[in-house]
N, C-alpha and C. Protein backbone atom coordinates (compact mmCIF):
# COMPACT_ATOMS: atom_id res chain seq x y z
N GLN A 1 0.83 -1.19 0.00
CA GLN A 1 0.00 0.00 0.00
C GLN A 1 0.88 1.25 0.00
N HIS A 2 1.96 1.25 0.71
CA HIS A 2 2.88 2.40 0.74
C HIS A 2 3.36 2.72 -0.67
N VAL A 3 3.80 1.67 -1.41
CA VAL A 3 4.36 1.88 -2.74
C VAL A 3 3.30 2.48 -3.67
N GLU A 4 2.08 1.99 -3.60
CA GLU A 4 1.04 2.46 -4.51
C GLU A 4 0.54 3.87 -4.19
N GLN A 5 0.48 4.24 -2.92
CA GLN A 5 -0.15 5.51 -2.56
C GLN A 5 0.81 6.59 -2.09
N ASP A 6 1.92 6.23 -1.45
CA ASP A 6 2.75 7.25 -0.79
C ASP A 6 4.21 7.30 -1.26
N CYS A 7 4.70 6.24 -1.81
CA CYS A 7 6.13 6.15 -2.10
C CYS A 7 6.55 7.24 -3.09
N VAL A 8 7.54 8.05 -2.70
CA VAL A 8 8.01 9.15 -3.54
C VAL A 8 8.86 8.66 -4.70
N GLU A 9 9.32 7.42 -4.67
CA GLU A 9 10.15 6.85 -5.73
C GLU A 9 9.32 6.11 -6.79
N LYS A 10 8.03 5.99 -6.56
CA LYS A 10 7.15 5.28 -7.50
C LYS A 10 6.97 6.10 -8.77
N GLU A 11 7.08 5.42 -9.93
CA GLU A 11 6.83 6.07 -11.23
C GLU A 11 5.32 6.25 -11.40
N ILE A 12 4.91 7.46 -11.74
CA ILE A 12 3.49 7.75 -11.94
C ILE A 12 3.29 8.54 -13.24
N GLU A 13 2.08 8.47 -13.75
CA GLU A 13 1.72 9.26 -14.92
C GLU A 13 1.28 10.64 -14.48
N CYS A 14 1.43 11.59 -15.36
CA CYS A 14 0.93 12.94 -15.11
C CYS A 14 -0.59 12.90 -15.00
N PRO A 15 -1.19 13.66 -14.10
CA PRO A 15 -2.65 13.69 -13.98
C PRO A 15 -3.33 14.23 -15.25
N PHE A 16 -2.56 14.85 -16.14
CA PHE A 16 -3.11 15.37 -17.38
C PHE A 16 -3.02 14.35 -18.51
N VAL A 17 -2.80 13.09 -18.18
CA VAL A 17 -2.75 12.02 -19.17
C VAL A 17 -4.06 11.94 -19.96
N LYS A 18 -5.17 12.27 -19.31
CA LYS A 18 -6.46 12.24 -20.01
C LYS A 18 -6.56 13.33 -21.08
N TYR A 19 -5.65 14.32 -21.00
CA TYR A 19 -5.57 15.35 -22.02
C TYR A 19 -4.38 15.12 -22.96
N LYS A 20 -3.84 13.91 -22.91
CA LYS A 20 -2.76 13.44 -23.80
C LYS A 20 -1.37 13.90 -23.39
N CYS A 21 -1.17 14.24 -22.13
CA CYS A 21 0.19 14.49 -21.64
C CYS A 21 0.87 13.13 -21.46
N VAL A 22 2.07 13.00 -21.95
CA VAL A 22 2.78 11.72 -21.89
C VAL A 22 3.81 11.69 -20.76
N GLY A 23 3.70 12.66 -19.84
CA GLY A 23 4.66 12.75 -18.73
C GLY A 23 4.61 11.53 -17.83
N LEU A 24 5.80 10.96 -17.57
CA LEU A 24 5.95 9.84 -16.64
C LEU A 24 7.12 10.22 -15.74
N MET A 25 6.91 10.27 -14.42
CA MET A 25 7.94 10.72 -13.50
C MET A 25 7.76 10.05 -12.15
N LYS A 26 8.76 10.22 -11.32
CA LYS A 26 8.62 9.75 -9.94
C LYS A 26 7.67 10.69 -9.22
N ARG A 27 6.98 10.13 -8.25
CA ARG A 27 6.01 10.92 -7.49
C ARG A 27 6.64 12.18 -6.92
N LYS A 28 7.89 12.11 -6.47
CA LYS A 28 8.55 13.28 -5.86
C LYS A 28 8.78 14.40 -6.89
N ASN A 29 8.73 14.09 -8.19
CA ASN A 29 8.96 15.11 -9.23
C ASN A 29 7.66 15.64 -9.84
N LEU A 30 6.55 15.19 -9.36
CA LEU A 30 5.26 15.60 -9.93
C LEU A 30 5.04 17.10 -9.84
N ARG A 31 5.31 17.70 -8.70
CA ARG A 31 5.10 19.14 -8.51
C ARG A 31 5.91 19.93 -9.54
N ASN A 32 7.19 19.55 -9.72
CA ASN A 32 8.03 20.25 -10.70
C ASN A 32 7.46 20.10 -12.11
N HIS A 33 7.03 18.89 -12.43
CA HIS A 33 6.45 18.65 -13.76
C HIS A 33 5.22 19.54 -13.97
N LEU A 34 4.33 19.61 -12.99
CA LEU A 34 3.11 20.42 -13.12
C LEU A 34 3.44 21.90 -13.28
N GLU A 35 4.45 22.37 -12.58
CA GLU A 35 4.85 23.78 -12.70
C GLU A 35 5.51 24.06 -14.04
N GLU A 36 6.38 23.16 -14.47
CA GLU A 36 7.10 23.37 -15.72
C GLU A 36 6.19 23.25 -16.94
N LYS A 37 5.22 22.41 -16.86
CA LYS A 37 4.36 22.12 -18.01
C LYS A 37 2.99 22.78 -17.91
N ARG A 38 2.87 23.79 -17.07
CA ARG A 38 1.58 24.44 -16.85
C ARG A 38 0.97 24.95 -18.15
N ILE A 39 1.74 25.65 -18.97
CA ILE A 39 1.23 26.18 -20.23
C ILE A 39 0.86 25.04 -21.19
N GLU A 40 1.75 24.04 -21.29
CA GLU A 40 1.47 22.91 -22.18
C GLU A 40 0.20 22.18 -21.75
N HIS A 41 0.00 22.04 -20.44
CA HIS A 41 -1.21 21.39 -19.95
C HIS A 41 -2.46 22.18 -20.33
N LEU A 42 -2.39 23.51 -20.22
CA LEU A 42 -3.54 24.33 -20.62
C LEU A 42 -3.81 24.19 -22.11
N GLU A 43 -2.74 24.17 -22.90
CA GLU A 43 -2.91 23.99 -24.35
C GLU A 43 -3.53 22.63 -24.67
N LEU A 44 -3.10 21.59 -23.94
CA LEU A 44 -3.69 20.27 -24.14
C LEU A 44 -5.18 20.27 -23.80
N LYS A 45 -5.54 20.96 -22.73
CA LYS A 45 -6.96 21.05 -22.36
C LYS A 45 -7.77 21.78 -23.42
N VAL A 46 -7.21 22.88 -23.93
CA VAL A 46 -7.89 23.65 -24.97
C VAL A 46 -8.06 22.78 -26.22
N ASP A 47 -6.99 22.07 -26.62
CA ASP A 47 -7.07 21.19 -27.79
C ASP A 47 -8.16 20.14 -27.60
N THR A 48 -8.22 19.56 -26.42
CA THR A 48 -9.22 18.53 -26.13
C THR A 48 -10.63 19.12 -26.22
N MET A 49 -10.81 20.33 -25.69
CA MET A 49 -12.12 20.98 -25.76
C MET A 49 -12.50 21.31 -27.20
N GLN A 50 -11.52 21.75 -28.00
CA GLN A 50 -11.81 22.06 -29.40
C GLN A 50 -12.20 20.80 -30.16
N GLU A 51 -11.54 19.69 -29.89
CA GLU A 51 -11.91 18.41 -30.52
C GLU A 51 -13.34 18.03 -30.14
N PHE A 52 -13.64 18.19 -28.85
CA PHE A 52 -14.99 17.86 -28.36
C PHE A 52 -16.03 18.73 -29.05
N ILE A 53 -15.76 20.03 -29.13
CA ILE A 53 -16.71 20.96 -29.76
C ILE A 53 -16.88 20.61 -31.23
N SER A 54 -15.80 20.28 -31.90
CA SER A 54 -15.88 19.90 -33.31
C SER A 54 -16.72 18.63 -33.49
N GLU A 55 -16.50 17.65 -32.64
CA GLU A 55 -17.29 16.41 -32.70
C GLU A 55 -18.77 16.69 -32.46
N GLN A 56 -19.05 17.56 -31.48
CA GLN A 56 -20.44 17.89 -31.17
C GLN A 56 -21.07 18.64 -32.34
N GLY A 57 -20.30 19.53 -32.98
CA GLY A 57 -20.81 20.26 -34.14
C GLY A 57 -21.18 19.31 -35.28
N ALA A 58 -20.31 18.32 -35.52
CA ALA A 58 -20.59 17.34 -36.57
C ALA A 58 -21.83 16.53 -36.22
N MET A 59 -21.97 16.17 -34.95
CA MET A 59 -23.14 15.40 -34.51
C MET A 59 -24.41 16.25 -34.66
N ILE A 60 -24.33 17.51 -34.32
CA ILE A 60 -25.49 18.40 -34.44
C ILE A 60 -25.88 18.55 -35.91
N GLU A 61 -24.89 18.68 -36.78
CA GLU A 61 -25.18 18.79 -38.21
C GLU A 61 -25.87 17.54 -38.74
N THR A 62 -25.37 16.38 -38.34
CA THR A 62 -25.98 15.12 -38.75
C THR A 62 -27.42 15.03 -38.25
N MET A 63 -27.62 15.38 -36.99
CA MET A 63 -28.97 15.33 -36.41
C MET A 63 -29.90 16.32 -37.10
N SER A 64 -29.37 17.48 -37.48
CA SER A 64 -30.17 18.49 -38.16
C SER A 64 -30.66 17.96 -39.51
N HIS A 65 -29.78 17.27 -40.25
CA HIS A 65 -30.18 16.67 -41.52
C HIS A 65 -31.25 15.60 -41.30
N GLU A 66 -31.08 14.80 -40.25
CA GLU A 66 -32.07 13.76 -39.95
C GLU A 66 -33.42 14.38 -39.59
N ILE A 67 -33.40 15.46 -38.82
CA ILE A 67 -34.64 16.14 -38.44
C ILE A 67 -35.35 16.69 -39.67
N LYS A 68 -34.58 17.31 -40.58
CA LYS A 68 -35.18 17.84 -41.81
C LYS A 68 -35.82 16.71 -42.62
N SER A 69 -35.12 15.59 -42.71
CA SER A 69 -35.65 14.44 -43.45
C SER A 69 -36.93 13.93 -42.80
N LEU A 70 -36.93 13.83 -41.48
CA LEU A 70 -38.13 13.37 -40.77
C LEU A 70 -39.29 14.34 -40.94
N LYS A 71 -38.99 15.65 -40.93
CA LYS A 71 -40.05 16.65 -41.13
C LYS A 71 -40.69 16.47 -42.50
N LYS A 72 -39.87 16.20 -43.52
CA LYS A 72 -40.41 15.97 -44.85
C LYS A 72 -41.32 14.76 -44.87
N GLU A 73 -40.90 13.69 -44.17
CA GLU A 73 -41.73 12.48 -44.10
C GLU A 73 -43.06 12.77 -43.40
N VAL A 74 -43.00 13.56 -42.32
CA VAL A 74 -44.22 13.91 -41.59
C VAL A 74 -45.14 14.73 -42.48
N GLU A 75 -44.56 15.69 -43.22
CA GLU A 75 -45.37 16.51 -44.11
C GLU A 75 -46.06 15.64 -45.17
N LYS A 76 -45.33 14.67 -45.71
CA LYS A 76 -45.93 13.76 -46.68
C LYS A 76 -47.09 12.99 -46.05
N THR A 77 -46.86 12.49 -44.84
CA THR A 77 -47.89 11.73 -44.13
C THR A 77 -49.10 12.59 -43.85
N GLU A 78 -48.85 13.85 -43.41
CA GLU A 78 -49.98 14.74 -43.13
C GLU A 78 -50.77 15.01 -44.40
N THR A 79 -50.08 15.20 -45.51
CA THR A 79 -50.77 15.44 -46.78
C THR A 79 -51.64 14.25 -47.14
N ILE A 80 -51.10 13.07 -46.95
CA ILE A 80 -51.85 11.85 -47.27
C ILE A 80 -53.05 11.71 -46.35
N THR A 81 -52.85 11.88 -45.05
CA THR A 81 -53.96 11.68 -44.12
C THR A 81 -55.03 12.75 -44.28
N GLU A 82 -54.64 13.97 -44.65
CA GLU A 82 -55.64 15.01 -44.86
C GLU A 82 -56.46 14.71 -46.11
N ALA A 83 -55.90 13.97 -47.05
CA ALA A 83 -56.56 13.72 -48.31
C ALA A 83 -57.51 12.53 -48.26
N ILE A 84 -57.51 11.78 -47.17
CA ILE A 84 -58.37 10.60 -47.11
C ILE A 84 -59.82 11.02 -46.88
N LYS A 85 -60.60 10.78 -47.87
CA LYS A 85 -62.03 11.04 -47.76
C LYS A 85 -62.72 10.02 -48.66
N LEU A 86 -63.55 9.24 -48.08
CA LEU A 86 -64.25 8.20 -48.84
C LEU A 86 -65.73 8.56 -48.89
N ASP A 87 -66.26 8.63 -50.09
CA ASP A 87 -67.68 8.91 -50.26
C ASP A 87 -68.30 7.79 -51.10
N TRP A 88 -69.42 7.29 -50.64
CA TRP A 88 -70.18 6.29 -51.40
C TRP A 88 -71.54 6.87 -51.72
N ARG A 89 -71.99 6.60 -52.89
CA ARG A 89 -73.36 6.96 -53.26
C ARG A 89 -74.18 5.68 -53.14
N ILE A 90 -75.14 5.71 -52.24
CA ILE A 90 -75.96 4.53 -52.01
C ILE A 90 -77.20 4.65 -52.89
N THR A 91 -77.41 3.63 -53.70
CA THR A 91 -78.57 3.66 -54.59
C THR A 91 -79.49 2.50 -54.24
N LYS A 92 -80.66 2.55 -54.76
CA LYS A 92 -81.66 1.50 -54.56
C LYS A 92 -81.98 1.25 -53.08
N VAL A 93 -82.05 2.34 -52.35
CA VAL A 93 -82.41 2.24 -50.94
C VAL A 93 -83.84 2.74 -50.81
N PRO A 94 -84.70 1.93 -50.25
CA PRO A 94 -86.10 2.39 -50.13
C PRO A 94 -86.17 3.61 -49.21
N LYS A 95 -87.00 4.52 -49.59
CA LYS A 95 -87.12 5.74 -48.80
C LYS A 95 -87.99 5.45 -47.59
N ILE A 96 -87.30 5.33 -46.47
CA ILE A 96 -88.01 5.15 -45.21
C ILE A 96 -87.69 6.35 -44.35
N GLY A 97 -88.49 6.64 -43.45
CA GLY A 97 -88.35 7.88 -42.68
C GLY A 97 -87.29 7.85 -41.60
N TYR A 98 -86.01 7.64 -41.94
CA TYR A 98 -84.98 7.74 -40.91
C TYR A 98 -84.36 9.12 -40.96
N ARG A 99 -83.76 9.46 -39.88
CA ARG A 99 -83.15 10.80 -39.81
C ARG A 99 -81.67 10.72 -40.19
N SER A 100 -81.10 11.86 -40.45
CA SER A 100 -79.67 11.92 -40.77
C SER A 100 -78.86 11.46 -39.56
N ILE A 101 -77.73 10.81 -39.85
CA ILE A 101 -76.86 10.30 -38.78
C ILE A 101 -75.46 10.89 -38.98
N ARG A 102 -74.91 11.37 -37.92
CA ARG A 102 -73.52 11.84 -37.96
C ARG A 102 -72.86 11.38 -36.67
N LYS A 103 -71.82 10.56 -36.81
CA LYS A 103 -71.08 10.04 -35.66
C LYS A 103 -69.61 10.40 -35.81
N GLN A 104 -69.01 10.81 -34.73
CA GLN A 104 -67.57 11.09 -34.72
C GLN A 104 -66.93 10.26 -33.62
N PHE A 105 -65.75 9.70 -33.93
CA PHE A 105 -65.03 8.91 -32.94
C PHE A 105 -63.55 8.91 -33.30
N GLN A 106 -62.74 8.44 -32.37
CA GLN A 106 -61.29 8.39 -32.58
C GLN A 106 -60.80 6.95 -32.62
N VAL A 107 -59.88 6.71 -33.55
CA VAL A 107 -59.23 5.40 -33.67
C VAL A 107 -57.76 5.66 -33.93
N ALA A 108 -56.91 5.10 -33.09
CA ALA A 108 -55.45 5.19 -33.27
C ALA A 108 -55.00 6.63 -33.49
N GLY A 109 -55.55 7.56 -32.75
CA GLY A 109 -55.12 8.95 -32.84
C GLY A 109 -55.73 9.74 -33.99
N TYR A 110 -56.62 9.12 -34.77
CA TYR A 110 -57.26 9.82 -35.88
C TYR A 110 -58.74 10.02 -35.57
N ASN A 111 -59.27 11.12 -36.04
CA ASN A 111 -60.69 11.39 -35.89
C ASN A 111 -61.41 10.81 -37.10
N LEU A 112 -62.48 10.12 -36.84
CA LEU A 112 -63.30 9.55 -37.91
C LEU A 112 -64.68 10.18 -37.82
N GLU A 113 -65.24 10.46 -38.98
CA GLU A 113 -66.58 11.03 -39.03
C GLU A 113 -67.41 10.20 -40.01
N PHE A 114 -68.51 9.72 -39.55
CA PHE A 114 -69.41 8.88 -40.35
C PHE A 114 -70.72 9.65 -40.50
N CYS A 115 -71.12 9.88 -41.74
CA CYS A 115 -72.35 10.64 -41.98
C CYS A 115 -73.26 9.88 -42.94
N LEU A 116 -74.53 9.84 -42.63
CA LEU A 116 -75.54 9.27 -43.51
C LEU A 116 -76.70 10.27 -43.54
N PHE A 117 -76.94 10.79 -44.73
CA PHE A 117 -77.98 11.83 -44.85
C PHE A 117 -79.22 11.23 -45.51
N ASN A 118 -80.37 11.45 -44.89
CA ASN A 118 -81.60 10.86 -45.42
C ASN A 118 -82.12 11.57 -46.67
N THR A 119 -81.65 12.78 -46.90
CA THR A 119 -82.14 13.51 -48.06
C THR A 119 -81.46 13.08 -49.35
N SER A 120 -80.20 12.70 -49.27
CA SER A 120 -79.48 12.37 -50.50
C SER A 120 -78.96 10.95 -50.53
N TYR A 121 -79.14 10.24 -49.44
CA TYR A 121 -78.65 8.87 -49.33
C TYR A 121 -77.13 8.80 -49.59
N ASP A 122 -76.40 9.79 -49.11
CA ASP A 122 -74.95 9.79 -49.24
C ASP A 122 -74.34 9.28 -47.94
N LEU A 123 -73.30 8.50 -48.09
CA LEU A 123 -72.55 8.01 -46.93
C LEU A 123 -71.14 8.60 -47.03
N HIS A 124 -70.74 9.29 -46.01
CA HIS A 124 -69.41 9.92 -45.98
C HIS A 124 -68.60 9.32 -44.84
N LEU A 125 -67.36 9.02 -45.13
CA LEU A 125 -66.43 8.61 -44.07
C LEU A 125 -65.18 9.46 -44.24
N ARG A 126 -64.88 10.25 -43.25
CA ARG A 126 -63.71 11.12 -43.32
C ARG A 126 -62.74 10.74 -42.22
N VAL A 127 -61.47 10.71 -42.59
CA VAL A 127 -60.41 10.41 -41.62
C VAL A 127 -59.48 11.62 -41.61
N TYR A 128 -59.24 12.16 -40.43
CA TYR A 128 -58.35 13.33 -40.34
C TYR A 128 -57.61 13.28 -39.00
N PRO A 129 -56.40 13.89 -38.99
CA PRO A 129 -55.61 13.85 -37.75
C PRO A 129 -56.22 14.68 -36.64
């Protein structure tokens, strides 16, 4: 335990190794290394941050293209769903005294409207978001 945590003769890596500092020294020389390489360590940190920002920028650009593509797909879908309207003309129906019927309900997030008019014998089914 002494060798791993306290021994001044133990070879250790610079704490800035995560920023690509390749310094390897005895524990007793760490303070000198940190003082001597202070500017280099700051430059390494800045370089690392710039790489990170660049990677994030590329990721944001990719995501932006994906969002635009998805928006186009949604617009296509909305155009299609707004255009769905089914009308049937019912013929040969005996004229009996029923009243007009209009029912609205929701299925899978879409509004459905069912209409049957006694004056024209038209049946309408409309699907809209």
